[in-house]
Amino acid sequence: MIEPDGIEVDTASGKMYWTDMGLGGAADKSAAINDGRILRADLDGKNIETLVPLGMTSTPKQLALDVACGKIYWSDRGDVGDQRVNPKIMRSNLDGSSPEAIVSSDLMSPVEIALDTRDG
């Protein structure tokens, strides 16, 4: 891990999920674009898996789980140096497959994220 940020725990599956903001983290993204990633591990820290690999997200910050629908949601600040190049809200399946941007316009610098799973 280079710079972990957000973390969520799924006690039913015994897994924790977290973001890694990549080289320079949020402070200095001049080093690379799209070098963030999403990881998970067992609650004891064993069996670390990279779910969303390098190249799919830039500066992932906080994340939220929708276990019932099998989704991970995260905010991506999109930092490159002192610029906001491509901020977005993203999601993937819990196994990291099918990552996609679901909001990619009219964003300044998304950091936090929360889900209203009751109302969809």
PDB file of N, CA and C in Angstrom:
ATOM      1  N   MET A   1       0.836  -1.173   0.000  1.00  0.00           N
ATOM      2  CA  MET A   1       0.000   0.000   0.000  1.00  0.00           C
ATOM      3  C   MET A   1       0.880   1.234   0.000  1.00  0.00           C
ATOM      4  N   ILE A   2       0.387   2.234  -0.690  1.00  0.00           N
ATOM      5  CA  ILE A   2       1.140   3.474  -0.752  1.00  0.00           C
ATOM      6  C   ILE A   2       0.500   4.521   0.152  1.00  0.00           C
ATOM      7  N   GLU A   3      -0.781   4.792  -0.053  1.00  0.00           N
ATOM      8  CA  GLU A   3      -1.482   5.745   0.813  1.00  0.00           C
ATOM      9  C   GLU A   3      -2.944   5.361   0.951  1.00  0.00           C
ATOM     10  N   PRO A   4      -3.248   4.468   1.917  1.00  0.00           N
ATOM     11  CA  PRO A   4      -4.639   4.074   2.132  1.00  0.00           C
ATOM     12  C   PRO A   4      -5.460   5.242   2.676  1.00  0.00           C
ATOM     13  N   ASP A   5      -6.752   5.233   2.364  1.00  0.00           N
ATOM     14  CA  ASP A   5      -7.615   6.322   2.825  1.00  0.00           C
ATOM     15  C   ASP A   5      -8.913   5.776   3.398  1.00  0.00           C
ATOM     16  N   GLY A   6      -9.888   5.490   2.560  1.00  0.00           N
ATOM     17  CA  GLY A   6     -11.190   5.031   3.051  1.00  0.00           C
ATOM     18  C   GLY A   6     -11.177   3.551   3.371  1.00  0.00           C
ATOM     19  N   ILE A   7     -11.997   3.153   4.351  1.00  0.00           N
ATOM     20  CA  ILE A   7     -12.114   1.739   4.709  1.00  0.00           C
ATOM     21  C   ILE A   7     -13.561   1.437   5.079  1.00  0.00           C
ATOM     22  N   GLU A   8     -14.018   0.260   4.681  1.00  0.00           N
ATOM     23  CA  GLU A   8     -15.338  -0.255   5.042  1.00  0.00           C
ATOM     24  C   GLU A   8     -15.170  -1.720   5.424  1.00  0.00           C
ATOM     25  N   VAL A   9     -16.040  -2.193   6.311  1.00  0.00           N
ATOM     26  CA  VAL A   9     -15.968  -3.564   6.792  1.00  0.00           C
ATOM     27  C   VAL A   9     -17.292  -4.270   6.501  1.00  0.00           C
ATOM     28  N   ASP A  10     -17.199  -5.466   5.966  1.00  0.00           N
ATOM     29  CA  ASP A  10     -18.346  -6.346   5.765  1.00  0.00           C
ATOM     30  C   ASP A  10     -18.178  -7.504   6.741  1.00  0.00           C
ATOM     31  N   THR A  11     -18.810  -7.394   7.902  1.00  0.00           N
ATOM     32  CA  THR A  11     -18.633  -8.408   8.938  1.00  0.00           C
ATOM     33  C   THR A  11     -19.221  -9.752   8.526  1.00  0.00           C
ATOM     34  N   ALA A  12     -20.285  -9.745   7.724  1.00  0.00           N
ATOM     35  CA  ALA A  12     -20.906 -11.004   7.309  1.00  0.00           C
ATOM     36  C   ALA A  12     -19.940 -11.857   6.485  1.00  0.00           C
ATOM     37  N   SER A  13     -19.165 -11.224   5.609  1.00  0.00           N
ATOM     38  CA  SER A  13     -18.213 -11.975   4.782  1.00  0.00           C
ATOM     39  C   SER A  13     -16.835 -12.053   5.424  1.00  0.00           C
ATOM     40  N   GLY A  14     -16.631 -11.280   6.506  1.00  0.00           N
ATOM     41  CA  GLY A  14     -15.324 -11.270   7.163  1.00  0.00           C
ATOM     42  C   GLY A  14     -14.259 -10.566   6.345  1.00  0.00           C
ATOM     43  N   LYS A  15     -14.675  -9.545   5.576  1.00  0.00           N
ATOM     44  CA  LYS A  15     -13.744  -8.822   4.704  1.00  0.00           C
ATOM     45  C   LYS A  15     -13.731  -7.329   5.038  1.00  0.00           C
ATOM     46  N   MET A  16     -12.578  -6.713   4.816  1.00  0.00           N
ATOM     47  CA  MET A  16     -12.471  -5.258   4.865  1.00  0.00           C
ATOM     48  C   MET A  16     -12.010  -4.781   3.501  1.00  0.00           C
ATOM     49  N   TYR A  17     -12.514  -3.617   3.110  1.00  0.00           N
ATOM     50  CA  TYR A  17     -12.214  -3.015   1.814  1.00  0.00           C
ATOM     51  C   TYR A  17     -11.605  -1.648   2.070  1.00  0.00           C
ATOM     52  N   TRP A  18     -10.632  -1.236   1.240  1.00  0.00           N
ATOM     53  CA  TRP A  18     -10.063   0.095   1.413  1.00  0.00           C
ATOM     54  C   TRP A  18      -9.547   0.647   0.086  1.00  0.00           C
ATOM     55  N   THR A  19      -9.363   1.966   0.083  1.00  0.00           N
ATOM     56  CA  THR A  19      -8.802   2.638  -1.081  1.00  0.00           C
ATOM     57  C   THR A  19      -7.320   2.885  -0.857  1.00  0.00           C
ATOM     58  N   ASP A  20      -6.586   2.937  -1.942  1.00  0.00           N
ATOM     59  CA  ASP A  20      -5.168   3.299  -1.934  1.00  0.00           C
ATOM     60  C   ASP A  20      -5.026   4.417  -2.963  1.00  0.00           C
ATOM     61  N   MET A  21      -4.651   5.621  -2.505  1.00  0.00           N
ATOM     62  CA  MET A  21      -4.605   6.786  -3.384  1.00  0.00           C
ATOM     63  C   MET A  21      -3.415   6.798  -4.329  1.00  0.00           C
ATOM     64  N   GLY A  22      -2.480   5.887  -4.202  1.00  0.00           N
ATOM     65  CA  GLY A  22      -1.372   5.805  -5.139  1.00  0.00           C
ATOM     66  C   GLY A  22      -0.216   6.731  -4.797  1.00  0.00           C
ATOM     67  N   LEU A  23       0.708   6.840  -5.724  1.00  0.00           N
ATOM     68  CA  LEU A  23       1.918   7.646  -5.519  1.00  0.00           C
ATOM     69  C   LEU A  23       1.570   9.085  -5.169  1.00  0.00           C
ATOM     70  N   GLY A  24       2.092   9.574  -4.090  1.00  0.00           N
ATOM     71  CA  GLY A  24       1.854  10.950  -3.685  1.00  0.00           C
ATOM     72  C   GLY A  24       0.526  11.168  -3.002  1.00  0.00           C
ATOM     73  N   GLY A  25      -0.348  10.160  -3.023  1.00  0.00           N
ATOM     74  CA  GLY A  25      -1.651  10.281  -2.390  1.00  0.00           C
ATOM     75  C   GLY A  25      -2.379  11.520  -2.847  1.00  0.00           C
ATOM     76  N   ALA A  26      -3.058  12.154  -1.937  1.00  0.00           N
ATOM     77  CA  ALA A  26      -3.808  13.363  -2.266  1.00  0.00           C
ATOM     78  C   ALA A  26      -2.897  14.579  -2.301  1.00  0.00           C
ATOM     79  N   ALA A  27      -1.718  14.480  -1.698  1.00  0.00           N
ATOM     80  CA  ALA A  27      -0.839  15.647  -1.572  1.00  0.00           C
ATOM     81  C   ALA A  27      -0.134  15.996  -2.877  1.00  0.00           C
ATOM     82  N   ASP A  28       0.310  14.982  -3.615  1.00  0.00           N
ATOM     83  CA  ASP A  28       1.078  15.259  -4.831  1.00  0.00           C
ATOM     84  C   ASP A  28       0.812  14.176  -5.861  1.00  0.00           C
ATOM     85  N   LYS A  29      -0.125  14.436  -6.732  1.00  0.00           N
ATOM     86  CA  LYS A  29      -0.443  13.464  -7.771  1.00  0.00           C
ATOM     87  C   LYS A  29       0.302  13.772  -9.062  1.00  0.00           C
ATOM     88  N   SER A  30       1.356  14.582  -8.996  1.00  0.00           N
ATOM     89  CA  SER A  30       2.100  14.886 -10.211  1.00  0.00           C
ATOM     90  C   SER A  30       2.882  13.674 -10.708  1.00  0.00           C
ATOM     91  N   ALA A  31       3.047  12.691  -9.842  1.00  0.00           N
ATOM     92  CA  ALA A  31       3.855  11.527 -10.196  1.00  0.00           C
ATOM     93  C   ALA A  31       3.152  10.599 -11.182  1.00  0.00           C
ATOM     94  N   ALA A  32       1.841  10.465 -11.084  1.00  0.00           N
ATOM     95  CA  ALA A  32       1.164   9.493 -11.949  1.00  0.00           C
ATOM     96  C   ALA A  32      -0.324   9.789 -12.039  1.00  0.00           C
ATOM     97  N   ILE A  33      -0.913   9.336 -13.122  1.00  0.00           N
ATOM     98  CA  ILE A  33      -2.350   9.423 -13.313  1.00  0.00           C
ATOM     99  C   ILE A  33      -2.900   8.001 -13.233  1.00  0.00           C
ATOM    100  N   ASN A  34      -4.058   7.860 -12.630  1.00  0.00           N
ATOM    101  CA  ASN A  34      -4.722   6.558 -12.527  1.00  0.00           C
ATOM    102  C   ASN A  34      -3.858   5.510 -11.847  1.00  0.00           C
ATOM    103  N   ASP A  35      -3.221   5.890 -10.729  1.00  0.00           N
ATOM    104  CA  ASP A  35      -2.417   4.920 -10.005  1.00  0.00           C
ATOM    105  C   ASP A  35      -3.034   4.562  -8.655  1.00  0.00           C
ATOM    106  N   GLY A  36      -4.306   4.884  -8.471  1.00  0.00           N
ATOM    107  CA  GLY A  36      -5.017   4.449  -7.277  1.00  0.00           C
ATOM    108  C   GLY A  36      -5.571   3.051  -7.489  1.00  0.00           C
ATOM    109  N   ARG A  37      -6.079   2.461  -6.413  1.00  0.00           N
ATOM    110  CA  ARG A  37      -6.671   1.131  -6.519  1.00  0.00           C
ATOM    111  C   ARG A  37      -7.569   0.859  -5.323  1.00  0.00           C
ATOM    112  N   ILE A  38      -8.370  -0.199  -5.430  1.00  0.00           N
ATOM    113  CA  ILE A  38      -9.255  -0.649  -4.367  1.00  0.00           C
ATOM    114  C   ILE A  38      -8.809  -2.055  -3.982  1.00  0.00           C
ATOM    115  N   LEU A  39      -8.682  -2.290  -2.665  1.00  0.00           N
ATOM    116  CA  LEU A  39      -8.212  -3.585  -2.169  1.00  0.00           C
ATOM    117  C   LEU A  39      -9.170  -4.142  -1.128  1.00  0.00           C
ATOM    118  N   ARG A  40      -9.010  -5.426  -0.831  1.00  0.00           N
ATOM    119  CA  ARG A  40      -9.744  -6.046   0.278  1.00  0.00           C
ATOM    120  C   ARG A  40      -8.877  -7.129   0.895  1.00  0.00           C
ATOM    121  N   ALA A  41      -9.219  -7.474   2.142  1.00  0.00           N
ATOM    122  CA  ALA A  41      -8.504  -8.524   2.865  1.00  0.00           C
ATOM    123  C   ALA A  41      -9.432  -9.111   3.902  1.00  0.00           C
ATOM    124  N   ASP A  42      -9.022 -10.224   4.473  1.00  0.00           N
ATOM    125  CA  ASP A  42      -9.735 -10.780   5.617  1.00  0.00           C
ATOM    126  C   ASP A  42      -9.606  -9.796   6.778  1.00  0.00           C
ATOM    127  N   LEU A  43     -10.488  -9.906   7.754  1.00  0.00           N
ATOM    128  CA  LEU A  43     -10.459  -8.977   8.885  1.00  0.00           C
ATOM    129  C   LEU A  43      -9.173  -9.064   9.699  1.00  0.00           C
ATOM    130  N   ASP A  44      -8.439 -10.153   9.595  1.00  0.00           N
ATOM    131  CA  ASP A  44      -7.160 -10.263  10.306  1.00  0.00           C
ATOM    132  C   ASP A  44      -5.994  -9.722   9.468  1.00  0.00           C
ATOM    133  N   GLY A  45      -6.310  -9.145   8.281  1.00  0.00           N
ATOM    134  CA  GLY A  45      -5.277  -8.565   7.425  1.00  0.00           C
ATOM    135  C   GLY A  45      -4.647  -9.543   6.446  1.00  0.00           C
ATOM    136  N   LYS A  46      -5.056 -10.783   6.482  1.00  0.00           N
ATOM    137  CA  LYS A  46      -4.501 -11.780   5.567  1.00  0.00           C
ATOM    138  C   LYS A  46      -5.287 -11.805   4.257  1.00  0.00           C
ATOM    139  N   ASN A  47      -4.701 -12.431   3.260  1.00  0.00           N
ATOM    140  CA  ASN A  47      -5.342 -12.625   1.956  1.00  0.00           C
ATOM    141  C   ASN A  47      -5.702 -11.307   1.276  1.00  0.00           C
ATOM    142  N   ILE A  48      -4.742 -10.405   1.182  1.00  0.00           N
ATOM    143  CA  ILE A  48      -4.961  -9.118   0.514  1.00  0.00           C
ATOM    144  C   ILE A  48      -5.147  -9.360  -0.983  1.00  0.00           C
ATOM    145  N   GLU A  49      -6.197  -8.740  -1.527  1.00  0.00           N
ATOM    146  CA  GLU A  49      -6.500  -8.830  -2.956  1.00  0.00           C
ATOM    147  C   GLU A  49      -6.632  -7.421  -3.526  1.00  0.00           C
ATOM    148  N   THR A  50      -6.121  -7.212  -4.709  1.00  0.00           N
ATOM    149  CA  THR A  50      -6.378  -5.969  -5.433  1.00  0.00           C
ATOM    150  C   THR A  50      -7.621  -6.201  -6.274  1.00  0.00           C
ATOM    151  N   LEU A  51      -8.677  -5.445  -5.987  1.00  0.00           N
ATOM    152  CA  LEU A  51      -9.936  -5.605  -6.708  1.00  0.00           C
ATOM    153  C   LEU A  51     -10.006  -4.717  -7.940  1.00  0.00           C
ATOM    154  N   VAL A  52      -9.699  -3.444  -7.755  1.00  0.00           N
ATOM    155  CA  VAL A  52      -9.672  -2.491  -8.864  1.00  0.00           C
ATOM    156  C   VAL A  52      -8.211  -2.090  -9.013  1.00  0.00           C
ATOM    157  N   PRO A  53      -7.565  -2.551 -10.072  1.00  0.00           N
ATOM    158  CA  PRO A  53      -6.112  -2.373 -10.210  1.00  0.00           C
ATOM    159  C   PRO A  53      -5.717  -0.979 -10.681  1.00  0.00           C
ATOM    160  N   LEU A  54      -4.415  -0.737 -10.666  1.00  0.00           N
ATOM    161  CA  LEU A  54      -3.855   0.488 -11.218  1.00  0.00           C
ATOM    162  C   LEU A  54      -4.379   0.695 -12.636  1.00  0.00           C
ATOM    163  N   GLY A  55      -4.635   1.956 -12.963  1.00  0.00           N
ATOM    164  CA  GLY A  55      -5.109   2.281 -14.298  1.00  0.00           C
ATOM    165  C   GLY A  55      -6.604   2.506 -14.386  1.00  0.00           C
ATOM    166  N   MET A  56      -7.338   2.175 -13.326  1.00  0.00           N
ATOM    167  CA  MET A  56      -8.793   2.299 -13.371  1.00  0.00           C
ATOM    168  C   MET A  56      -9.327   3.490 -12.584  1.00  0.00           C
ATOM    169  N   THR A  57      -8.548   3.984 -11.616  1.00  0.00           N
ATOM    170  CA  THR A  57      -8.992   5.093 -10.780  1.00  0.00           C
ATOM    171  C   THR A  57      -7.774   5.929 -10.401  1.00  0.00           C
ATOM    172  N   SER A  58      -7.972   7.213 -10.183  1.00  0.00           N
ATOM    173  CA  SER A  58      -6.843   8.113  -9.949  1.00  0.00           C
ATOM    174  C   SER A  58      -6.559   8.319  -8.473  1.00  0.00           C
ATOM    175  N   THR A  59      -7.458   8.997  -7.784  1.00  0.00           N
ATOM    176  CA  THR A  59      -7.268   9.309  -6.368  1.00  0.00           C
ATOM    177  C   THR A  59      -8.504   8.864  -5.581  1.00  0.00           C
ATOM    178  N   PRO A  60      -8.685   7.558  -5.399  1.00  0.00           N
ATOM    179  CA  PRO A  60      -9.863   7.089  -4.669  1.00  0.00           C
ATOM    180  C   PRO A  60      -9.781   7.487  -3.201  1.00  0.00           C
ATOM    181  N   LYS A  61     -10.852   8.036  -2.705  1.00  0.00           N
ATOM    182  CA  LYS A  61     -10.898   8.504  -1.311  1.00  0.00           C
ATOM    183  C   LYS A  61     -11.772   7.567  -0.486  1.00  0.00           C
ATOM    184  N   GLN A  62     -12.924   8.031  -0.044  1.00  0.00           N
ATOM    185  CA  GLN A  62     -13.798   7.213   0.783  1.00  0.00           C
ATOM    186  C   GLN A  62     -14.593   6.235  -0.078  1.00  0.00           C
ATOM    187  N   LEU A  63     -15.029   5.147   0.548  1.00  0.00           N
ATOM    188  CA  LEU A  63     -15.843   4.180  -0.171  1.00  0.00           C
ATOM    189  C   LEU A  63     -17.013   3.740   0.683  1.00  0.00           C
ATOM    190  N   ALA A  64     -17.989   3.123   0.029  1.00  0.00           N
ATOM    191  CA  ALA A  64     -19.176   2.607   0.707  1.00  0.00           C
ATOM    192  C   ALA A  64     -19.557   1.290   0.051  1.00  0.00           C
ATOM    193  N   LEU A  65     -20.047   0.361   0.852  1.00  0.00           N
ATOM    194  CA  LEU A  65     -20.444  -0.949   0.359  1.00  0.00           C
ATOM    195  C   LEU A  65     -21.959  -1.056   0.313  1.00  0.00           C
ATOM    196  N   ASP A  66     -22.466  -1.662  -0.736  1.00  0.00           N
ATOM    197  CA  ASP A  66     -23.860  -2.086  -0.814  1.00  0.00           C
ATOM    198  C   ASP A  66     -23.797  -3.594  -0.996  1.00  0.00           C
ATOM    199  N   VAL A  67     -23.676  -4.303   0.114  1.00  0.00           N
ATOM    200  CA  VAL A  67     -23.465  -5.746   0.082  1.00  0.00           C
ATOM    201  C   VAL A  67     -24.672  -6.448  -0.532  1.00  0.00           C
ATOM    202  N   ALA A  68     -25.879  -5.983  -0.217  1.00  0.00           N
ATOM    203  CA  ALA A  68     -27.084  -6.625  -0.741  1.00  0.00           C
ATOM    204  C   ALA A  68     -27.122  -6.608  -2.271  1.00  0.00           C
ATOM    205  N   CYS A  69     -26.639  -5.543  -2.870  1.00  0.00           N
ATOM    206  CA  CYS A  69     -26.604  -5.431  -4.342  1.00  0.00           C
ATOM    207  C   CYS A  69     -25.255  -5.802  -4.920  1.00  0.00           C
ATOM    208  N   GLY A  70     -24.295  -6.132  -4.054  1.00  0.00           N
ATOM    209  CA  GLY A  70     -22.989  -6.583  -4.520  1.00  0.00           C
ATOM    210  C   GLY A  70     -22.122  -5.507  -5.146  1.00  0.00           C
ATOM    211  N   LYS A  71     -22.171  -4.265  -4.586  1.00  0.00           N
ATOM    212  CA  LYS A  71     -21.445  -3.147  -5.185  1.00  0.00           C
ATOM    213  C   LYS A  71     -20.553  -2.431  -4.169  1.00  0.00           C
ATOM    214  N   ILE A  72     -19.439  -1.887  -4.697  1.00  0.00           N
ATOM    215  CA  ILE A  72     -18.577  -0.947  -3.976  1.00  0.00           C
ATOM    216  C   ILE A  72     -18.715   0.389  -4.689  1.00  0.00           C
ATOM    217  N   TYR A  73     -18.895   1.465  -3.929  1.00  0.00           N
ATOM    218  CA  TYR A  73     -18.937   2.819  -4.482  1.00  0.00           C
ATOM    219  C   TYR A  73     -17.796   3.609  -3.863  1.00  0.00           C
ATOM    220  N   TRP A  74     -17.164   4.476  -4.664  1.00  0.00           N
ATOM    221  CA  TRP A  74     -16.112   5.324  -4.106  1.00  0.00           C
ATOM    222  C   TRP A  74     -16.058   6.660  -4.825  1.00  0.00           C
ATOM    223  N   SER A  75     -15.508   7.632  -4.107  1.00  0.00           N
ATOM    224  CA  SER A  75     -15.262   8.951  -4.692  1.00  0.00           C
ATOM    225  C   SER A  75     -13.818   8.988  -5.177  1.00  0.00           C
ATOM    226  N   ASP A  76     -13.621   9.592  -6.342  1.00  0.00           N
ATOM    227  CA  ASP A  76     -12.290   9.722  -6.934  1.00  0.00           C
ATOM    228  C   ASP A  76     -12.048  11.202  -7.190  1.00  0.00           C
ATOM    229  N   ARG A  77     -11.158  11.808  -6.403  1.00  0.00           N
ATOM    230  CA  ARG A  77     -10.894  13.244  -6.538  1.00  0.00           C
ATOM    231  C   ARG A  77     -10.323  13.614  -7.892  1.00  0.00           C
ATOM    232  N   GLY A  78      -9.658  12.694  -8.561  1.00  0.00           N
ATOM    233  CA  GLY A  78      -9.118  12.970  -9.877  1.00  0.00           C
ATOM    234  C   GLY A  78      -7.943  13.930  -9.868  1.00  0.00           C
ATOM    235  N   ASP A  79      -7.172  13.945  -8.800  1.00  0.00           N
ATOM    236  CA  ASP A  79      -6.051  14.871  -8.681  1.00  0.00           C
ATOM    237  C   ASP A  79      -4.887  14.492  -9.595  1.00  0.00           C
ATOM    238  N   VAL A  80      -4.329  15.481 -10.260  1.00  0.00           N
ATOM    239  CA  VAL A  80      -3.047  15.355 -10.947  1.00  0.00           C
ATOM    240  C   VAL A  80      -2.336  16.673 -10.711  1.00  0.00           C
ATOM    241  N   GLY A  81      -1.306  16.641  -9.873  1.00  0.00           N
ATOM    242  CA  GLY A  81      -0.649  17.884  -9.475  1.00  0.00           C
ATOM    243  C   GLY A  81      -1.637  18.756  -8.725  1.00  0.00           C
ATOM    244  N   ASP A  82      -1.741  20.020  -9.111  1.00  0.00           N
ATOM    245  CA  ASP A  82      -2.680  20.928  -8.443  1.00  0.00           C
ATOM    246  C   ASP A  82      -3.959  21.086  -9.258  1.00  0.00           C
ATOM    247  N   GLN A  83      -4.242  20.167 -10.161  1.00  0.00           N
ATOM    248  CA  GLN A  83      -5.415  20.252 -11.016  1.00  0.00           C
ATOM    249  C   GLN A  83      -6.400  19.134 -10.697  1.00  0.00           C
ATOM    250  N   ARG A  84      -7.664  19.409 -10.924  1.00  0.00           N
ATOM    251  CA  ARG A  84      -8.710  18.388 -10.830  1.00  0.00           C
ATOM    252  C   ARG A  84      -8.971  17.935 -12.266  1.00  0.00           C
ATOM    253  N   VAL A  85      -8.339  16.862 -12.682  1.00  0.00           N
ATOM    254  CA  VAL A  85      -8.386  16.443 -14.068  1.00  0.00           C
ATOM    255  C   VAL A  85      -9.670  15.699 -14.404  1.00  0.00           C
ATOM    256  N   ASN A  86     -10.049  14.755 -13.575  1.00  0.00           N
ATOM    257  CA  ASN A  86     -11.195  13.928 -13.907  1.00  0.00           C
ATOM    258  C   ASN A  86     -11.890  13.425 -12.649  1.00  0.00           C
ATOM    259  N   PRO A  87     -12.442  14.327 -11.824  1.00  0.00           N
ATOM    260  CA  PRO A  87     -13.127  13.858 -10.627  1.00  0.00           C
ATOM    261  C   PRO A  87     -14.380  13.075 -11.009  1.00  0.00           C
ATOM    262  N   LYS A  88     -14.691  12.044 -10.211  1.00  0.00           N
ATOM    263  CA  LYS A  88     -15.848  11.216 -10.527  1.00  0.00           C
ATOM    264  C   LYS A  88     -16.286  10.395  -9.321  1.00  0.00           C
ATOM    265  N   ILE A  89     -17.492   9.870  -9.420  1.00  0.00           N
ATOM    266  CA  ILE A  89     -18.002   8.875  -8.482  1.00  0.00           C
ATOM    267  C   ILE A  89     -18.001   7.569  -9.251  1.00  0.00           C
ATOM    268  N   MET A  90     -17.430   6.519  -8.637  1.00  0.00           N
ATOM    269  CA  MET A  90     -17.285   5.245  -9.332  1.00  0.00           C
ATOM    270  C   MET A  90     -17.915   4.106  -8.542  1.00  0.00           C
ATOM    271  N   ARG A  91     -18.098   2.994  -9.238  1.00  0.00           N
ATOM    272  CA  ARG A  91     -18.559   1.772  -8.572  1.00  0.00           C
ATOM    273  C   ARG A  91     -18.025   0.565  -9.326  1.00  0.00           C
ATOM    274  N   SER A  92     -18.032  -0.558  -8.615  1.00  0.00           N
ATOM    275  CA  SER A  92     -17.697  -1.845  -9.225  1.00  0.00           C
ATOM    276  C   SER A  92     -18.459  -2.914  -8.462  1.00  0.00           C
ATOM    277  N   ASN A  93     -18.385  -4.130  -8.947  1.00  0.00           N
ATOM    278  CA  ASN A  93     -18.916  -5.252  -8.191  1.00  0.00           C
ATOM    279  C   ASN A  93     -17.995  -5.506  -7.001  1.00  0.00           C
ATOM    280  N   LEU A  94     -18.482  -6.207  -5.998  1.00  0.00           N
ATOM    281  CA  LEU A  94     -17.681  -6.472  -4.799  1.00  0.00           C
ATOM    282  C   LEU A  94     -16.378  -7.215  -5.110  1.00  0.00           C
ATOM    283  N   ASP A  95     -16.336  -7.933  -6.210  1.00  0.00           N
ATOM    284  CA  ASP A  95     -15.095  -8.628  -6.586  1.00  0.00           C
ATOM    285  C   ASP A  95     -14.183  -7.749  -7.433  1.00  0.00           C
ATOM    286  N   GLY A  96     -14.576  -6.482  -7.650  1.00  0.00           N
ATOM    287  CA  GLY A  96     -13.770  -5.542  -8.424  1.00  0.00           C
ATOM    288  C   GLY A  96     -14.071  -5.538  -9.912  1.00  0.00           C
ATOM    289  N   SER A  97     -14.903  -6.444 -10.361  1.00  0.00           N
ATOM    290  CA  SER A  97     -15.216  -6.490 -11.786  1.00  0.00           C
ATOM    291  C   SER A  97     -16.151  -5.344 -12.178  1.00  0.00           C
ATOM    292  N   SER A  98     -16.124  -5.005 -13.431  1.00  0.00           N
ATOM    293  CA  SER A  98     -16.990  -3.981 -14.036  1.00  0.00           C
ATOM    294  C   SER A  98     -16.888  -2.605 -13.378  1.00  0.00           C
ATOM    295  N   PRO A  99     -15.661  -2.090 -13.147  1.00  0.00           N
ATOM    296  CA  PRO A  99     -15.562  -0.729 -12.602  1.00  0.00           C
ATOM    297  C   PRO A  99     -16.078   0.279 -13.627  1.00  0.00           C
ATOM    298  N   GLU A 100     -16.800   1.290 -13.130  1.00  0.00           N
ATOM    299  CA  GLU A 100     -17.352   2.299 -14.027  1.00  0.00           C
ATOM    300  C   GLU A 100     -17.548   3.615 -13.283  1.00  0.00           C
ATOM    301  N   ALA A 101     -17.445   4.703 -14.034  1.00  0.00           N
ATOM    302  CA  ALA A 101     -17.784   6.021 -13.499  1.00  0.00           C
ATOM    303  C   ALA A 101     -19.286   6.189 -13.639  1.00  0.00           C
ATOM    304  N   ILE A 102     -19.965   6.555 -12.555  1.00  0.00           N
ATOM    305  CA  ILE A 102     -21.413   6.761 -12.636  1.00  0.00           C
ATOM    306  C   ILE A 102     -21.775   8.238 -12.582  1.00  0.00           C
ATOM    307  N   VAL A 103     -20.868   9.075 -12.081  1.00  0.00           N
ATOM    308  CA  VAL A 103     -21.016  10.529 -12.146  1.00  0.00           C
ATOM    309  C   VAL A 103     -19.654  11.080 -12.535  1.00  0.00           C
ATOM    310  N   SER A 104     -19.601  11.837 -13.622  1.00  0.00           N
ATOM    311  CA  SER A 104     -18.304  12.353 -14.061  1.00  0.00           C
ATOM    312  C   SER A 104     -18.386  13.806 -14.530  1.00  0.00           C
ATOM    313  N   SER A 105     -19.453  14.482 -14.195  1.00  0.00           N
ATOM    314  CA  SER A 105     -19.555  15.898 -14.550  1.00  0.00           C
ATOM    315  C   SER A 105     -20.114  16.674 -13.361  1.00  0.00           C
ATOM    316  N   ASP A 106     -19.846  17.975 -13.366  1.00  0.00           N
ATOM    317  CA  ASP A 106     -20.322  18.875 -12.309  1.00  0.00           C
ATOM    318  C   ASP A 106     -19.820  18.488 -10.925  1.00  0.00           C
ATOM    319  N   LEU A 107     -18.578  18.015 -10.855  1.00  0.00           N
ATOM    320  CA  LEU A 107     -17.948  17.668  -9.585  1.00  0.00           C
ATOM    321  C   LEU A 107     -16.709  18.530  -9.402  1.00  0.00           C
ATOM    322  N   MET A 108     -16.478  18.960  -8.178  1.00  0.00           N
ATOM    323  CA  MET A 108     -15.269  19.732  -7.884  1.00  0.00           C
ATOM    324  C   MET A 108     -14.158  18.832  -7.357  1.00  0.00           C
ATOM    325  N   SER A 109     -14.390  18.209  -6.219  1.00  0.00           N
ATOM    326  CA  SER A 109     -13.379  17.382  -5.591  1.00  0.00           C
ATOM    327  C   SER A 109     -14.063  16.414  -4.623  1.00  0.00           C
ATOM    328  N   PRO A 110     -14.735  15.393  -5.145  1.00  0.00           N
ATOM    329  CA  PRO A 110     -15.486  14.500  -4.251  1.00  0.00           C
ATOM    330  C   PRO A 110     -14.550  13.721  -3.332  1.00  0.00           C
ATOM    331  N   VAL A 111     -14.921  13.687  -2.067  1.00  0.00           N
ATOM    332  CA  VAL A 111     -14.122  12.977  -1.084  1.00  0.00           C
ATOM    333  C   VAL A 111     -14.979  11.944  -0.345  1.00  0.00           C
ATOM    334  N   GLU A 112     -16.013  12.400   0.311  1.00  0.00           N
ATOM    335  CA  GLU A 112     -16.879  11.498   1.081  1.00  0.00           C
ATOM    336  C   GLU A 112     -17.925  10.868   0.178  1.00  0.00           C
ATOM    337  N   ILE A 113     -18.500   9.766   0.634  1.00  0.00           N
ATOM    338  CA  ILE A 113     -19.600   9.135  -0.081  1.00  0.00           C
ATOM    339  C   ILE A 113     -20.453   8.382   0.928  1.00  0.00           C
ATOM    340  N   ALA A 114     -21.760   8.439   0.707  1.00  0.00           N
ATOM    341  CA  ALA A 114     -22.707   7.699   1.552  1.00  0.00           C
ATOM    342  C   ALA A 114     -23.791   7.157   0.648  1.00  0.00           C
ATOM    343  N   LEU A 115     -24.362   6.036   1.030  1.00  0.00           N
ATOM    344  CA  LEU A 115     -25.423   5.416   0.245  1.00  0.00           C
ATOM    345  C   LEU A 115     -26.725   5.423   1.021  1.00  0.00           C
ATOM    346  N   ASP A 116     -27.809   5.627   0.322  1.00  0.00           N
ATOM    347  CA  ASP A 116     -29.145   5.475   0.880  1.00  0.00           C
ATOM    348  C   ASP A 116     -29.696   4.176   0.323  1.00  0.00           C
ATOM    349  N   THR A 117     -29.291   3.055   0.905  1.00  0.00           N
ATOM    350  CA  THR A 117     -29.668   1.754   0.377  1.00  0.00           C
ATOM    351  C   THR A 117     -31.158   1.487   0.578  1.00  0.00           C
ATOM    352  N   ARG A 118     -31.743   2.041   1.602  1.00  0.00           N
ATOM    353  CA  ARG A 118     -33.164   1.825   1.862  1.00  0.00           C
ATOM    354  C   ARG A 118     -34.026   2.367   0.719  1.00  0.00           C
ATOM    355  N   ASP A 119     -33.669   3.550   0.214  1.00  0.00           N
ATOM    356  CA  ASP A 119     -34.452   4.167  -0.844  1.00  0.00           C
ATOM    357  C   ASP A 119     -33.837   4.018  -2.230  1.00  0.00           C
ATOM    358  N   GLY A 120     -32.765   3.262  -2.317  1.00  0.00           N
ATOM    359  CA  GLY A 120     -32.138   3.001  -3.620  1.00  0.00           C
ATOM    360  C   GLY A 120     -31.386   4.188  -4.162  1.00  0.00           C
TER     361      GLY A 120
END
